[in-house]
């Protein structure tokens, strides 16, 4: 008879910590924000709706910065607003300076607009806790 005893390794069942810089930005977004939440502030229908935070922010990032992909295929995560310049937005979520400072205060950490993971962290905070109005009034398409 086989007397081998198999003991479940509880360490292996604990998820590994997320090290954001070891992940592609979009992979990081889905790893940390794949959850549903009530998001308010839509301009077309001034109401709230339940959305998946990661999917909604993916749509916003794609529209705002094309995930940093430039027309020639190069990647620039710190790209400025193409029509209006850096004062009108920079980075994946097209942060303006006042919103960057607001995120720094709320998240209690420094936010670098050209760092894709910082942009995502700020975007998750803004979308989930303050609503879509940071982007929606300008396009109404999210």
N, C-alpha and C. Protein backbone atom coordinates (compact mmCIF):
# COMPACT_ATOMS: atom_id res chain seq x y z
N UNK A 1 0.82 -1.20 0.00
CA UNK A 1 0.00 0.00 0.00
C UNK A 1 0.87 1.26 0.00
N UNK A 2 0.35 2.30 -0.64
CA UNK A 2 1.05 3.58 -0.72
C UNK A 2 0.71 4.40 0.52
N UNK A 3 1.71 4.74 1.31
CA UNK A 3 1.49 5.49 2.55
C UNK A 3 1.82 6.98 2.39
N UNK A 4 1.86 7.46 1.16
CA UNK A 4 2.17 8.87 0.92
C UNK A 4 1.01 9.74 1.36
N UNK A 5 1.31 10.76 2.12
CA UNK A 5 0.29 11.71 2.56
C UNK A 5 0.53 13.02 1.81
N UNK A 6 -0.53 13.50 1.21
CA UNK A 6 -0.42 14.76 0.47
C UNK A 6 -1.07 15.85 1.32
N UNK A 7 -0.32 16.88 1.61
CA UNK A 7 -0.81 18.01 2.40
C UNK A 7 -0.89 19.21 1.48
N UNK A 8 -2.06 19.82 1.48
CA UNK A 8 -2.24 21.00 0.63
C UNK A 8 -1.30 22.10 1.10
N UNK A 9 -0.60 22.67 0.16
CA UNK A 9 0.33 23.76 0.43
C UNK A 9 -0.48 25.06 0.48
N UNK A 10 -0.71 25.58 1.67
CA UNK A 10 -1.53 26.78 1.80
C UNK A 10 -0.82 28.01 1.24
N UNK A 11 0.48 28.00 1.19
CA UNK A 11 1.21 29.13 0.63
C UNK A 11 0.91 29.25 -0.86
N UNK A 12 0.86 28.12 -1.55
CA UNK A 12 0.62 28.12 -2.99
C UNK A 12 -0.80 28.62 -3.32
N UNK A 13 -1.74 28.46 -2.41
CA UNK A 13 -3.10 28.89 -2.70
C UNK A 13 -3.30 30.39 -2.41
N UNK A 14 -2.33 31.03 -1.82
CA UNK A 14 -2.40 32.47 -1.57
C UNK A 14 -1.93 33.20 -2.83
N UNK A 15 -2.73 34.13 -3.34
CA UNK A 15 -2.30 34.83 -4.55
C UNK A 15 -1.00 35.59 -4.33
N UNK A 16 -0.18 35.56 -5.36
CA UNK A 16 1.08 36.30 -5.29
C UNK A 16 0.78 37.79 -5.31
N UNK A 17 1.59 38.59 -4.63
CA UNK A 17 1.37 40.04 -4.66
C UNK A 17 1.58 40.56 -6.08
N UNK A 18 0.83 41.59 -6.40
CA UNK A 18 0.94 42.19 -7.72
C UNK A 18 2.09 43.19 -7.70
N UNK A 19 3.03 43.00 -8.60
CA UNK A 19 4.13 43.94 -8.79
C UNK A 19 3.85 44.61 -10.13
N UNK A 20 3.29 45.81 -10.06
CA UNK A 20 2.74 46.44 -11.25
C UNK A 20 3.75 46.63 -12.38
N UNK A 21 4.98 46.97 -12.05
CA UNK A 21 5.97 47.20 -13.10
C UNK A 21 6.40 45.92 -13.82
N UNK A 22 6.00 44.77 -13.29
CA UNK A 22 6.31 43.51 -13.96
C UNK A 22 5.19 43.09 -14.90
N UNK A 23 4.17 43.92 -15.01
CA UNK A 23 3.03 43.62 -15.86
C UNK A 23 2.87 44.70 -16.92
N UNK A 24 2.32 44.32 -18.06
CA UNK A 24 1.94 45.32 -19.05
C UNK A 24 0.82 46.17 -18.42
N UNK A 25 0.73 47.44 -18.77
CA UNK A 25 -0.28 48.29 -18.14
C UNK A 25 -1.71 47.75 -18.23
N UNK A 26 -2.12 47.25 -19.38
CA UNK A 26 -3.49 46.74 -19.51
C UNK A 26 -3.69 45.50 -18.64
N UNK A 27 -2.69 44.65 -18.58
CA UNK A 27 -2.75 43.45 -17.73
C UNK A 27 -2.89 43.88 -16.26
N UNK A 28 -2.16 44.90 -15.87
CA UNK A 28 -2.24 45.43 -14.51
C UNK A 28 -3.65 45.96 -14.22
N UNK A 29 -4.21 46.73 -15.15
CA UNK A 29 -5.56 47.27 -14.97
C UNK A 29 -6.55 46.15 -14.66
N UNK A 30 -6.53 45.09 -15.46
CA UNK A 30 -7.49 44.00 -15.25
C UNK A 30 -7.19 43.19 -14.00
N UNK A 31 -5.92 43.14 -13.59
CA UNK A 31 -5.56 42.41 -12.37
C UNK A 31 -6.07 43.12 -11.12
N UNK A 32 -6.09 44.44 -11.14
CA UNK A 32 -6.45 45.18 -9.92
C UNK A 32 -7.85 45.77 -9.92
N UNK A 33 -8.52 45.83 -11.08
CA UNK A 33 -9.80 46.55 -11.12
C UNK A 33 -10.93 45.79 -11.79
N UNK A 34 -10.84 44.48 -11.91
CA UNK A 34 -11.93 43.71 -12.51
C UNK A 34 -13.02 43.47 -11.49
N UNK A 35 -13.78 44.51 -11.25
CA UNK A 35 -14.89 44.43 -10.30
C UNK A 35 -15.97 45.40 -10.76
N UNK A 36 -17.17 45.12 -10.34
CA UNK A 36 -18.29 45.99 -10.70
C UNK A 36 -18.49 47.06 -9.64
N UNK A 37 -18.89 48.22 -10.10
CA UNK A 37 -19.19 49.32 -9.18
C UNK A 37 -20.21 50.23 -9.83
N UNK A 38 -20.94 50.94 -9.01
CA UNK A 38 -21.89 51.94 -9.48
C UNK A 38 -21.10 53.20 -9.81
N UNK A 39 -21.17 53.64 -11.05
CA UNK A 39 -20.44 54.82 -11.49
C UNK A 39 -21.46 55.88 -11.91
N UNK A 40 -21.26 57.09 -11.42
CA UNK A 40 -22.22 58.18 -11.67
C UNK A 40 -21.56 59.29 -12.48
N UNK A 41 -22.40 60.19 -12.96
CA UNK A 41 -21.90 61.40 -13.61
C UNK A 41 -21.92 61.37 -15.12
N UNK A 42 -22.72 60.52 -15.72
CA UNK A 42 -22.78 60.48 -17.19
C UNK A 42 -23.54 61.69 -17.71
N UNK A 43 -23.00 62.36 -18.74
CA UNK A 43 -23.63 63.58 -19.24
C UNK A 43 -24.85 63.29 -20.11
N UNK A 44 -24.82 62.22 -20.88
CA UNK A 44 -25.96 61.92 -21.75
C UNK A 44 -27.17 61.50 -20.92
N UNK A 45 -26.94 60.76 -19.87
CA UNK A 45 -27.99 60.35 -18.95
C UNK A 45 -27.45 60.63 -17.56
N UNK A 46 -27.75 61.81 -17.00
CA UNK A 46 -27.18 62.13 -15.68
C UNK A 46 -27.69 61.18 -14.60
N UNK A 47 -27.08 60.03 -14.58
CA UNK A 47 -27.48 58.99 -13.64
C UNK A 47 -26.28 58.10 -13.33
N UNK A 48 -26.56 57.04 -12.63
CA UNK A 48 -25.52 56.08 -12.29
C UNK A 48 -25.80 54.77 -13.03
N UNK A 49 -24.73 54.02 -13.28
CA UNK A 49 -24.92 52.69 -13.84
C UNK A 49 -23.81 51.79 -13.33
N UNK A 50 -24.11 50.51 -13.29
CA UNK A 50 -23.14 49.53 -12.82
C UNK A 50 -22.23 49.17 -13.99
N UNK A 51 -20.92 49.28 -13.75
CA UNK A 51 -19.94 48.95 -14.79
C UNK A 51 -18.82 48.12 -14.18
N UNK A 52 -18.11 47.42 -15.04
CA UNK A 52 -16.87 46.78 -14.63
C UNK A 52 -15.80 47.86 -14.73
N UNK A 53 -15.17 48.17 -13.62
CA UNK A 53 -14.20 49.27 -13.56
C UNK A 53 -13.08 49.08 -14.59
N UNK A 54 -12.51 47.89 -14.67
CA UNK A 54 -11.41 47.66 -15.61
C UNK A 54 -11.87 47.85 -17.05
N UNK A 55 -13.02 47.29 -17.41
CA UNK A 55 -13.51 47.44 -18.78
C UNK A 55 -13.82 48.89 -19.12
N UNK A 56 -14.45 49.61 -18.18
CA UNK A 56 -14.79 51.00 -18.44
C UNK A 56 -13.53 51.86 -18.57
N UNK A 57 -12.55 51.64 -17.69
CA UNK A 57 -11.32 52.42 -17.79
C UNK A 57 -10.53 52.04 -19.04
N UNK A 58 -10.59 50.81 -19.46
CA UNK A 58 -9.97 50.39 -20.72
C UNK A 58 -10.56 51.19 -21.88
N UNK A 59 -11.87 51.34 -21.91
CA UNK A 59 -12.54 52.12 -22.96
C UNK A 59 -12.08 53.57 -22.91
N UNK A 60 -12.01 54.13 -21.71
CA UNK A 60 -11.57 55.52 -21.54
C UNK A 60 -10.13 55.70 -22.02
N UNK A 61 -9.25 54.81 -21.58
CA UNK A 61 -7.83 54.91 -21.96
C UNK A 61 -7.67 54.76 -23.47
N UNK A 62 -8.40 53.83 -24.05
CA UNK A 62 -8.32 53.63 -25.50
C UNK A 62 -8.73 54.91 -26.24
N UNK A 63 -9.82 55.55 -25.78
CA UNK A 63 -10.29 56.78 -26.43
C UNK A 63 -9.38 57.97 -26.15
N UNK A 64 -8.87 58.06 -24.92
CA UNK A 64 -8.07 59.23 -24.53
C UNK A 64 -6.65 59.20 -25.08
N UNK A 65 -6.03 58.01 -25.10
CA UNK A 65 -4.60 57.97 -25.47
C UNK A 65 -4.20 56.79 -26.34
N UNK A 66 -5.18 55.95 -26.71
CA UNK A 66 -4.86 54.76 -27.51
C UNK A 66 -3.80 53.91 -26.81
N UNK A 67 -3.86 53.88 -25.47
CA UNK A 67 -2.89 53.13 -24.66
C UNK A 67 -1.46 53.58 -24.94
N UNK A 68 -1.29 54.83 -25.35
CA UNK A 68 0.05 55.38 -25.58
C UNK A 68 0.64 55.04 -26.94
N UNK A 69 -0.10 54.31 -27.77
CA UNK A 69 0.42 53.92 -29.09
C UNK A 69 0.24 55.11 -30.05
N UNK A 70 1.34 55.54 -30.61
CA UNK A 70 1.35 56.66 -31.56
C UNK A 70 1.04 56.16 -32.96
N UNK A 71 0.69 57.05 -33.89
CA UNK A 71 0.37 56.64 -35.25
C UNK A 71 1.46 55.81 -35.93
N UNK A 72 2.71 56.03 -35.57
CA UNK A 72 3.80 55.26 -36.20
C UNK A 72 4.07 53.93 -35.48
N UNK A 73 3.28 53.63 -34.45
CA UNK A 73 3.43 52.36 -33.72
C UNK A 73 4.31 52.46 -32.48
N UNK A 74 5.03 53.58 -32.34
CA UNK A 74 5.84 53.77 -31.13
C UNK A 74 4.92 53.95 -29.93
N UNK A 75 5.45 53.70 -28.74
CA UNK A 75 4.65 53.85 -27.53
C UNK A 75 5.19 55.02 -26.71
N UNK A 76 4.27 55.90 -26.32
CA UNK A 76 4.60 57.05 -25.48
C UNK A 76 3.52 57.15 -24.40
N UNK A 77 3.79 56.57 -23.24
CA UNK A 77 2.81 56.57 -22.16
C UNK A 77 2.57 57.96 -21.59
N UNK A 78 3.45 58.89 -21.87
CA UNK A 78 3.29 60.24 -21.36
C UNK A 78 2.78 61.22 -22.39
N UNK A 79 2.24 60.72 -23.49
CA UNK A 79 1.81 61.59 -24.58
C UNK A 79 0.85 62.67 -24.11
N UNK A 80 1.02 63.82 -24.71
CA UNK A 80 0.16 64.96 -24.40
C UNK A 80 -1.08 64.92 -25.28
N UNK A 81 -2.08 65.67 -24.88
CA UNK A 81 -3.30 65.80 -25.67
C UNK A 81 -2.89 66.26 -27.06
N UNK A 82 -3.24 65.50 -28.08
CA UNK A 82 -2.78 65.79 -29.44
C UNK A 82 -3.35 67.09 -29.99
N UNK A 83 -4.55 67.45 -29.61
CA UNK A 83 -5.17 68.66 -30.15
C UNK A 83 -4.80 69.92 -29.37
N UNK A 84 -4.67 69.80 -28.04
CA UNK A 84 -4.53 70.99 -27.21
C UNK A 84 -3.21 71.10 -26.45
N UNK A 85 -2.38 70.07 -26.46
CA UNK A 85 -1.12 70.12 -25.74
C UNK A 85 -1.21 69.57 -24.33
N UNK A 86 -0.09 69.57 -23.62
CA UNK A 86 0.02 68.95 -22.29
C UNK A 86 -0.87 69.60 -21.24
N UNK A 87 -1.17 70.87 -21.37
CA UNK A 87 -2.03 71.53 -20.40
C UNK A 87 -3.45 70.99 -20.41
N UNK A 88 -3.82 70.33 -21.49
CA UNK A 88 -5.17 69.77 -21.62
C UNK A 88 -5.23 68.28 -21.32
N UNK A 89 -4.13 67.71 -20.93
CA UNK A 89 -4.12 66.30 -20.56
C UNK A 89 -2.85 65.61 -20.99
N UNK A 90 -2.43 64.65 -20.17
CA UNK A 90 -1.20 63.93 -20.45
C UNK A 90 -1.30 62.52 -19.88
N UNK A 91 -0.71 61.58 -20.57
CA UNK A 91 -0.65 60.20 -20.09
C UNK A 91 -1.83 59.37 -20.55
N UNK A 92 -1.90 58.15 -20.05
CA UNK A 92 -2.94 57.23 -20.48
C UNK A 92 -4.34 57.76 -20.28
N UNK A 93 -4.60 58.41 -19.14
CA UNK A 93 -5.96 58.89 -18.88
C UNK A 93 -6.08 60.39 -19.14
N UNK A 94 -5.05 60.98 -19.74
CA UNK A 94 -5.04 62.41 -20.08
C UNK A 94 -5.32 63.28 -18.85
N UNK A 95 -4.48 63.10 -17.84
CA UNK A 95 -4.58 63.88 -16.60
C UNK A 95 -4.19 65.33 -16.82
N UNK A 96 -4.99 66.22 -16.25
CA UNK A 96 -4.58 67.63 -16.17
C UNK A 96 -3.92 67.80 -14.81
N UNK A 97 -3.17 68.86 -14.64
CA UNK A 97 -2.36 69.04 -13.43
C UNK A 97 -3.20 69.06 -12.15
N UNK A 98 -4.33 69.73 -12.15
CA UNK A 98 -5.14 69.79 -10.93
C UNK A 98 -5.66 68.41 -10.54
N UNK A 99 -6.00 67.59 -11.52
CA UNK A 99 -6.49 66.24 -11.23
C UNK A 99 -5.35 65.36 -10.74
N UNK A 100 -4.16 65.55 -11.30
CA UNK A 100 -2.99 64.80 -10.82
C UNK A 100 -2.76 65.10 -9.34
N UNK A 101 -2.77 66.36 -8.98
CA UNK A 101 -2.56 66.75 -7.58
C UNK A 101 -3.68 66.20 -6.69
N UNK A 102 -4.89 66.20 -7.19
CA UNK A 102 -6.02 65.66 -6.45
C UNK A 102 -5.81 64.17 -6.18
N UNK A 103 -5.37 63.43 -7.19
CA UNK A 103 -5.10 61.99 -7.01
C UNK A 103 -3.96 61.77 -6.01
N UNK A 104 -2.93 62.59 -6.09
CA UNK A 104 -1.82 62.46 -5.14
C UNK A 104 -2.33 62.60 -3.71
N UNK A 105 -3.18 63.58 -3.49
CA UNK A 105 -3.71 63.82 -2.15
C UNK A 105 -4.59 62.64 -1.71
N UNK A 106 -5.48 62.19 -2.55
CA UNK A 106 -6.41 61.12 -2.20
C UNK A 106 -5.72 59.76 -2.06
N UNK A 107 -4.76 59.48 -2.95
CA UNK A 107 -4.07 58.18 -2.92
C UNK A 107 -2.85 58.19 -2.01
N UNK A 108 -2.48 59.38 -1.53
CA UNK A 108 -1.33 59.55 -0.63
C UNK A 108 -0.04 59.00 -1.25
N UNK A 109 0.15 59.34 -2.53
CA UNK A 109 1.39 58.96 -3.22
C UNK A 109 1.60 59.89 -4.39
N UNK A 110 2.84 59.96 -4.85
CA UNK A 110 3.18 60.79 -5.99
C UNK A 110 2.66 60.15 -7.27
N UNK A 111 2.09 60.96 -8.14
CA UNK A 111 1.57 60.49 -9.42
C UNK A 111 2.38 61.13 -10.54
N UNK A 112 2.98 60.29 -11.36
CA UNK A 112 3.72 60.74 -12.54
C UNK A 112 2.81 60.51 -13.74
N UNK A 113 2.41 61.59 -14.42
CA UNK A 113 1.46 61.48 -15.53
C UNK A 113 1.97 60.60 -16.66
N UNK A 114 3.29 60.48 -16.81
CA UNK A 114 3.81 59.64 -17.88
C UNK A 114 4.08 58.21 -17.45
N UNK A 115 3.81 57.89 -16.20
CA UNK A 115 3.94 56.51 -15.71
C UNK A 115 2.59 55.82 -15.91
N UNK A 116 2.52 54.80 -16.76
CA UNK A 116 1.21 54.19 -17.05
C UNK A 116 0.53 53.59 -15.83
N UNK A 117 1.29 53.04 -14.90
CA UNK A 117 0.69 52.42 -13.72
C UNK A 117 0.14 53.49 -12.78
N UNK A 118 0.82 54.63 -12.66
CA UNK A 118 0.29 55.75 -11.88
C UNK A 118 -1.00 56.26 -12.50
N UNK A 119 -1.02 56.39 -13.83
CA UNK A 119 -2.23 56.83 -14.53
C UNK A 119 -3.39 55.88 -14.25
N UNK A 120 -3.12 54.60 -14.30
CA UNK A 120 -4.17 53.61 -14.05
C UNK A 120 -4.66 53.70 -12.62
N UNK A 121 -3.75 53.80 -11.66
CA UNK A 121 -4.16 53.92 -10.25
C UNK A 121 -5.05 55.14 -10.05
N UNK A 122 -4.66 56.26 -10.62
CA UNK A 122 -5.45 57.49 -10.51
C UNK A 122 -6.79 57.30 -11.21
N UNK A 123 -6.78 56.71 -12.39
CA UNK A 123 -8.02 56.49 -13.14
C UNK A 123 -9.00 55.60 -12.40
N UNK A 124 -8.49 54.54 -11.77
CA UNK A 124 -9.36 53.66 -10.99
C UNK A 124 -10.00 54.44 -9.86
N UNK A 125 -9.19 55.20 -9.14
CA UNK A 125 -9.72 56.02 -8.04
C UNK A 125 -10.81 56.97 -8.55
N UNK A 126 -10.49 57.73 -9.59
CA UNK A 126 -11.43 58.73 -10.10
C UNK A 126 -12.73 58.09 -10.56
N UNK A 127 -12.63 57.04 -11.35
CA UNK A 127 -13.82 56.40 -11.90
C UNK A 127 -14.68 55.77 -10.81
N UNK A 128 -14.04 55.03 -9.92
CA UNK A 128 -14.79 54.28 -8.92
C UNK A 128 -15.36 55.16 -7.81
N UNK A 129 -14.63 56.17 -7.40
CA UNK A 129 -15.06 56.95 -6.24
C UNK A 129 -15.61 58.33 -6.58
N UNK A 130 -15.31 58.85 -7.76
CA UNK A 130 -15.80 60.19 -8.10
C UNK A 130 -16.65 60.21 -9.36
N UNK A 131 -16.66 59.14 -10.10
CA UNK A 131 -17.51 59.06 -11.28
C UNK A 131 -16.80 59.38 -12.57
N UNK A 132 -17.55 59.26 -13.63
CA UNK A 132 -16.99 59.40 -14.97
C UNK A 132 -16.89 60.84 -15.44
N UNK A 133 -17.39 61.78 -14.66
CA UNK A 133 -17.42 63.18 -15.09
C UNK A 133 -16.04 63.74 -15.39
N UNK A 134 -14.98 63.10 -14.94
CA UNK A 134 -13.63 63.59 -15.27
C UNK A 134 -13.36 63.47 -16.76
N UNK A 135 -14.08 62.60 -17.45
CA UNK A 135 -13.90 62.41 -18.89
C UNK A 135 -15.17 62.66 -19.68
N UNK A 136 -16.28 62.19 -19.22
CA UNK A 136 -17.53 62.15 -19.98
C UNK A 136 -18.05 63.50 -20.46
N UNK A 137 -17.93 64.59 -19.72
CA UNK A 137 -18.50 65.85 -20.22
C UNK A 137 -17.91 66.28 -21.56
N UNK A 138 -16.70 65.82 -21.83
CA UNK A 138 -16.04 66.28 -23.04
C UNK A 138 -16.41 65.46 -24.27
N UNK A 139 -16.75 64.20 -24.05
CA UNK A 139 -17.09 63.38 -25.22
C UNK A 139 -18.50 62.83 -25.14
N UNK A 140 -18.96 62.56 -23.92
CA UNK A 140 -20.28 61.98 -23.76
C UNK A 140 -20.41 60.59 -24.34
N UNK A 141 -19.29 59.98 -24.65
CA UNK A 141 -19.35 58.69 -25.35
C UNK A 141 -18.95 57.49 -24.51
N UNK A 142 -18.66 57.71 -23.25
CA UNK A 142 -18.21 56.59 -22.44
C UNK A 142 -19.39 55.91 -21.76
